[in-house]
Structure formats: C-alpha cells, structure tokens
C-alpha cells in the first residue's frame, strides 16, 4: 500500500515539474517553451546547392602536326641561245637579212649594177651532221634592185666564235639563178649554167646574246663545168637574230 501511494506521489511530482517548467520564469522575464517548440528545425529548409562558377574551364586543344609544305612548283628556264640551240619551233636556228652591193668582188669583173636584198634562214643541225662538225643547213634568196641576176640558194654553214662574242664562218652549197647563161650584152654576166656552186664567208660580232652584225661576201660560179664561167660576187652588211 505504501508503494502505491509512493507511485501516485511521484507521478504528481512529475506533472507539477512539467507545469512549472512550461511556465517557468527567468530573472525578470517569463520563458515560454511553447515558442521554442513552434520554431522550425534549423535543417528543415530546402537545400540550395552552391552556385556554379561562371568561369569556363580552359579548353585543352590537342596539338596538331604542322601542315606539310606544298611541293615546289617547277619553273621553266630558257637556256641561253647557242648556234646549235633548239631554235624557233625546234627547227629555225637563226634568221639573217641585209643589203649587198651587186656584182662587186675580187674574183670577177663588174658588169651588172644595183644592190641586192638578202634573206637567209639557218636551221638547227641534225645529229647525222655531227661527223662534219655540225654545220647548219640554210636556204636563202638574193634579189637585185635593177632586174639583173637574182638567185635562190641552199647549203651548209659552219661557224666558230672567238675573242668572246666575235665569230667567223663560211658556207658551201648550190644556187639557181635567173641570169644569162650566154649573152652578148656587155652589162650582163654570162654564167654558163643555170645551177651554180655557191660559197660565202661571214665575219661578225654578237651582242645581247641573240643579235649579230656581220660582213658578208658570196660567190657563184660553175667551176668551169660549162662553156662560160664569168662568176658573180656580192658583198655587204647583214643582221642576224638567233632564236
């Protein structure tokens, strides 16, 4: 029975303490625990993640191999002109033209008059002429201003350079003419044959590689193969351009 009363007394004491605590006073102020119980839990709010940094991380660019240099573009260089060069269209080596005094020379007397206009083409020497020092094939014409003997010719021309840009050469071939084979005219040559031998010499000087000025002398005759053989010479100045 004593235990029962003791339990009742203890329970009453606990209730009294709780009531006193709920309405307990601090020094000069009432402390209400209900206010504390009604406050939200400090960790009950929604979690806000920290803001992301606005600074973008540096982008790492993988090193690339240097671009290969483009292959060099081949350039075409023109070789300096030579007497045996490629020539124009691989064929014509040189062109020459000039003015000549007609029928004036050391090997025959003068009978015909006027001046001659001369035009000559020299060609690139073919390989088979190497055995005779690579002469250049040539063709040419000589026209007289007074209507006297005109000629067309062809042959081979040899030439050598010396003292730098000076040169000399000679040619040998054949000519066909429209002059007199036999005549009683005192102002016309009696050349004997329609086709004659033709020889010439040239001595000159080249400048700026391609250009040349030369003294020219040519002679036509039949070497006494026909009944008459007066012969005819022309001499003068010519200009040449090498391709």
Protein backbone atom coordinates (compact mmCIF):
# COMPACT_ATOMS: atom_id res chain seq x y z
CA UNK A 1 0.00 0.00 0.00
CA UNK A 2 2.86 2.25 0.75
CA UNK A 3 4.29 1.50 -2.67
CA UNK A 4 1.06 2.55 -4.35
CA UNK A 5 0.99 5.89 -2.60
CA UNK A 6 4.59 6.41 -3.33
CA UNK A 7 3.95 5.90 -7.08
CA UNK A 8 1.00 8.28 -7.04
CA UNK A 9 3.05 10.89 -5.25
CA UNK A 10 5.90 10.50 -7.79
CA UNK A 11 3.56 10.94 -10.75
CA UNK A 12 2.07 14.06 -9.25
CA UNK A 13 5.50 15.45 -8.70
CA UNK A 14 6.47 14.88 -12.40
CA UNK A 15 3.30 16.64 -13.57
CA UNK A 16 3.98 19.55 -11.31
CA UNK A 17 7.50 19.90 -12.55
CA UNK A 18 6.36 19.88 -16.21
CA UNK A 19 3.76 22.56 -15.45
CA UNK A 20 6.32 24.65 -13.65
CA UNK A 21 8.85 24.28 -16.45
CA UNK A 22 6.28 25.26 -19.10
CA UNK A 23 5.54 28.44 -17.21
CA UNK A 24 8.98 28.94 -15.67
CA UNK A 25 10.34 32.44 -15.29
CA UNK A 26 13.82 33.70 -15.92
CA UNK A 27 15.19 36.53 -13.98
CA UNK A 28 12.72 39.35 -14.64
CA UNK A 29 11.24 37.61 -17.71
CA UNK A 30 8.87 34.74 -18.43
CA UNK A 31 10.40 31.94 -20.59
CA UNK A 32 7.69 30.21 -22.67
CA UNK A 33 8.93 26.84 -24.06
CA UNK A 34 5.95 26.74 -26.45
CA UNK A 35 7.66 29.44 -28.51
CA UNK A 36 10.75 27.26 -28.87
CA UNK A 37 8.68 24.23 -29.79
CA UNK A 38 6.92 26.17 -32.53
CA UNK A 39 10.23 27.25 -34.23
CA UNK A 40 11.12 25.29 -37.39
CA UNK A 41 14.06 22.94 -37.32
CA UNK A 42 17.21 24.74 -38.45
CA UNK A 43 17.90 21.99 -41.02
CA UNK A 44 14.27 21.69 -42.19
CA UNK A 45 14.73 24.23 -45.03
CA UNK A 46 15.28 23.14 -48.68
CA UNK A 47 18.94 22.51 -49.59
CA UNK A 48 20.23 25.09 -52.05
CA UNK A 49 23.29 23.90 -53.96
CA UNK A 50 26.17 26.31 -54.20
CA UNK A 51 26.15 28.37 -57.43
CA UNK A 52 28.25 27.03 -60.26
CA UNK A 53 31.29 29.05 -61.22
CA UNK A 54 30.68 31.25 -64.27
CA UNK A 55 34.31 30.92 -65.27
CA UNK A 56 34.55 28.37 -68.07
CA UNK A 57 37.26 25.85 -67.69
CA UNK A 58 40.04 26.35 -70.24
CA UNK A 59 39.60 24.17 -73.28
CA UNK A 60 42.58 21.99 -73.92
CA UNK A 61 43.39 21.87 -77.65
CA UNK A 62 45.37 18.89 -78.68
CA UNK A 63 48.49 19.89 -80.58
CA UNK A 64 48.31 19.23 -84.30
CA UNK A 65 51.13 18.32 -86.58
CA UNK A 66 52.38 21.22 -88.75
CA UNK A 67 50.92 21.25 -92.25
CA UNK A 68 53.25 19.85 -94.83
CA UNK A 69 54.78 22.47 -97.10
CA UNK A 70 53.40 22.36 -100.67
CA UNK A 71 55.81 20.87 -103.18
CA UNK A 72 57.84 23.48 -105.06
CA UNK A 73 56.40 24.50 -108.38
CA UNK A 74 58.89 23.70 -111.11
CA UNK A 75 59.96 26.74 -113.07
CA UNK A 76 60.86 26.67 -116.68
CA UNK A 77 64.11 28.34 -117.52
CA UNK A 78 65.12 29.18 -121.02
CA UNK A 79 68.64 28.09 -121.90
CA UNK A 80 70.88 30.73 -123.38
CA UNK A 81 70.82 30.75 -127.16
CA UNK A 82 73.62 28.97 -128.94
CA UNK A 83 74.49 28.41 -132.55
CA UNK A 84 73.18 24.86 -132.17
CA UNK A 85 70.26 25.67 -129.83
CA UNK A 86 66.70 24.43 -130.01
CA UNK A 87 65.71 27.28 -132.31
CA UNK A 88 62.29 28.56 -133.30
CA UNK A 89 59.78 25.68 -133.21
CA UNK A 90 62.83 23.43 -132.75
CA UNK A 91 63.79 23.98 -136.39
CA UNK A 92 64.92 27.51 -137.30
CA UNK A 93 68.15 28.46 -135.58
CA UNK A 94 68.71 31.97 -136.97
CA UNK A 95 67.38 34.48 -139.46
CA UNK A 96 69.65 36.90 -141.35
CA UNK A 97 68.96 39.71 -143.77
CA UNK A 98 70.90 42.61 -145.20
CA UNK A 99 71.90 44.81 -148.15
CA UNK A 100 74.65 43.80 -150.60
CA UNK A 101 76.47 45.53 -153.41
CA UNK A 102 75.75 43.53 -156.56
CA UNK A 103 78.48 42.10 -158.79
CA UNK A 104 81.38 43.68 -156.91
CA UNK A 105 84.11 41.29 -155.82
CA UNK A 106 87.74 40.28 -156.09
CA UNK A 107 87.23 37.24 -158.34
CA UNK A 108 85.33 38.68 -161.37
CA UNK A 109 84.94 41.98 -163.21
CA UNK A 110 81.92 44.19 -162.69
CA UNK A 111 79.27 44.10 -165.39
CA UNK A 112 75.88 44.20 -163.63
CA UNK A 113 74.55 47.02 -161.45
CA UNK A 114 72.35 47.73 -158.47
CA UNK A 115 72.03 46.50 -154.90
CA UNK A 116 70.80 43.16 -153.59
CA UNK A 117 68.39 42.44 -150.73
CA UNK A 118 69.34 39.20 -149.00
CA UNK A 119 67.25 36.99 -146.72
CA UNK A 120 68.58 33.76 -145.20
CA UNK A 121 67.31 31.12 -142.77
CA UNK A 122 69.64 28.79 -140.87
CA UNK A 123 68.31 25.62 -139.29
CA UNK A 124 69.21 23.55 -136.24
CA UNK A 125 71.84 21.00 -137.30
CA UNK A 126 70.57 17.39 -137.35
CA UNK A 127 72.55 14.76 -135.46
CA UNK A 128 73.86 12.99 -138.53
CA UNK A 129 75.91 16.09 -139.42
CA UNK A 130 77.99 15.73 -136.24
CA UNK A 131 80.63 13.85 -138.24
CA UNK A 132 81.34 17.03 -140.25
CA UNK A 133 81.37 19.44 -137.25
CA UNK A 134 77.61 20.10 -137.12
CA UNK A 135 77.04 22.69 -139.86
CA UNK A 136 73.68 24.39 -140.00
CA UNK A 137 71.56 23.78 -143.10
CA UNK A 138 70.49 27.05 -144.74
CA UNK A 139 68.33 28.47 -147.52
CA UNK A 140 68.22 32.00 -148.86
CA UNK A 141 67.31 34.40 -151.64
CA UNK A 142 69.04 37.45 -153.14
CA UNK A 143 67.02 39.92 -155.21
CA UNK A 144 68.60 42.61 -157.40
CA UNK A 145 67.26 46.16 -157.47
CA UNK A 146 67.98 46.64 -161.22
CA UNK A 147 66.41 43.44 -162.51
CA UNK A 148 69.79 41.79 -163.11
CA UNK A 149 70.73 38.33 -161.80
CA UNK A 150 68.64 37.08 -158.86
CA UNK A 151 69.36 33.83 -157.08
CA UNK A 152 67.97 31.33 -154.63
CA UNK A 153 70.36 29.05 -152.77
CA UNK A 154 70.79 26.34 -150.17
CA UNK A 155 73.76 24.74 -148.45
CA UNK A 156 75.58 24.13 -145.17
CA UNK A 157 77.08 26.80 -142.92
CA UNK A 158 79.95 26.31 -140.45
CA UNK A 159 80.68 28.92 -137.81
CA UNK A 160 83.08 29.43 -134.88
CA UNK A 161 83.26 32.02 -132.13
CA UNK A 162 86.48 33.68 -130.96
CA UNK A 163 87.54 36.57 -128.70
CA UNK A 164 84.32 36.32 -126.75
CA UNK A 165 81.47 37.46 -128.98
CA UNK A 166 83.24 37.68 -132.34
CA UNK A 167 82.55 34.93 -134.88
CA UNK A 168 83.55 33.81 -138.35
CA UNK A 169 82.26 31.17 -140.71
CA UNK A 170 81.80 30.01 -144.25
CA UNK A 171 79.17 28.16 -146.24
CA UNK A 172 79.08 25.87 -149.24
CA UNK A 173 76.13 24.88 -151.41
CA UNK A 174 74.33 25.47 -154.69
CA UNK A 175 72.40 28.34 -156.24
CA UNK A 176 69.87 28.62 -159.05
CA UNK A 177 69.70 31.97 -160.84
CA UNK A 178 67.65 33.80 -163.48
CA UNK A 179 70.63 35.49 -165.17
CA UNK A 180 72.19 34.82 -168.56
CA UNK A 181 73.92 31.55 -169.30
CA UNK A 182 75.30 33.00 -172.53
CA UNK A 183 74.89 36.56 -173.78
CA UNK A 184 76.42 39.29 -175.97
CA UNK A 185 75.16 42.03 -173.63
CA UNK A 186 78.04 43.93 -172.09
CA UNK A 187 76.08 44.79 -168.94
CA UNK A 188 75.06 41.20 -168.11
CA UNK A 189 77.06 38.28 -166.74
CA UNK A 190 77.50 35.14 -168.82
CA UNK A 191 77.23 32.48 -166.09
CA UNK A 192 77.23 29.35 -168.28
CA UNK A 193 74.97 27.04 -166.20
CA UNK A 194 71.58 27.53 -164.59
CA UNK A 195 72.67 25.82 -161.36
CA UNK A 196 75.97 27.02 -159.88
CA UNK A 197 78.17 26.37 -156.91
CA UNK A 198 77.84 28.96 -154.15
CA UNK A 199 80.29 29.84 -151.39
CA UNK A 200 80.17 32.61 -148.77
CA UNK A 201 82.13 33.94 -145.80
CA UNK A 202 80.88 35.86 -142.75
CA UNK A 203 82.80 37.77 -140.09
CA UNK A 204 80.86 39.50 -137.34
CA UNK A 205 80.12 40.29 -133.73
CA UNK A 206 77.25 39.24 -131.46
CA UNK A 207 75.62 41.44 -128.83
CA UNK A 208 72.89 40.79 -126.24
CA UNK A 209 73.31 37.05 -126.92
CA UNK A 210 70.82 36.86 -129.78
CA UNK A 211 71.80 39.68 -132.12
CA UNK A 212 74.67 39.92 -134.57
CA UNK A 213 76.13 42.20 -137.25
CA UNK A 214 78.39 40.73 -139.90
CA UNK A 215 80.30 41.43 -143.08
CA UNK A 216 79.16 39.07 -145.85
CA UNK A 217 80.73 38.04 -149.20
CA UNK A 218 79.29 35.40 -151.53
CA UNK A 219 80.39 33.97 -154.89
CA UNK A 220 78.59 31.89 -157.52
CA UNK A 221 80.23 30.10 -160.47
CA UNK A 222 80.23 26.75 -162.28
CA UNK A 223 83.88 25.75 -161.64
CA UNK A 224 84.40 25.61 -165.43
CA UNK A 225 81.86 22.83 -165.89
CA UNK A 226 80.09 24.87 -168.58
CA UNK A 227 81.36 26.75 -171.65
CA UNK A 228 81.24 30.14 -169.91
CA UNK A 229 82.19 30.86 -166.30
CA UNK A 230 82.35 34.55 -165.51
CA UNK A 231 81.21 34.21 -161.89
CA UNK A 232 79.46 36.81 -159.75
CA UNK A 233 80.14 38.17 -156.25
CA UNK A 234 78.09 40.26 -153.84
CA UNK A 235 79.22 41.81 -150.57
CA UNK A 236 77.68 43.91 -147.83
CA UNK A 237 76.37 44.04 -144.25
CA UNK A 238 73.83 41.70 -142.69
CA UNK A 239 71.98 41.49 -139.39
CA UNK A 240 71.23 38.16 -137.70
CA UNK A 241 68.85 37.13 -134.91
CA UNK A 242 69.33 33.80 -133.13
CA UNK A 243 66.28 32.00 -131.68
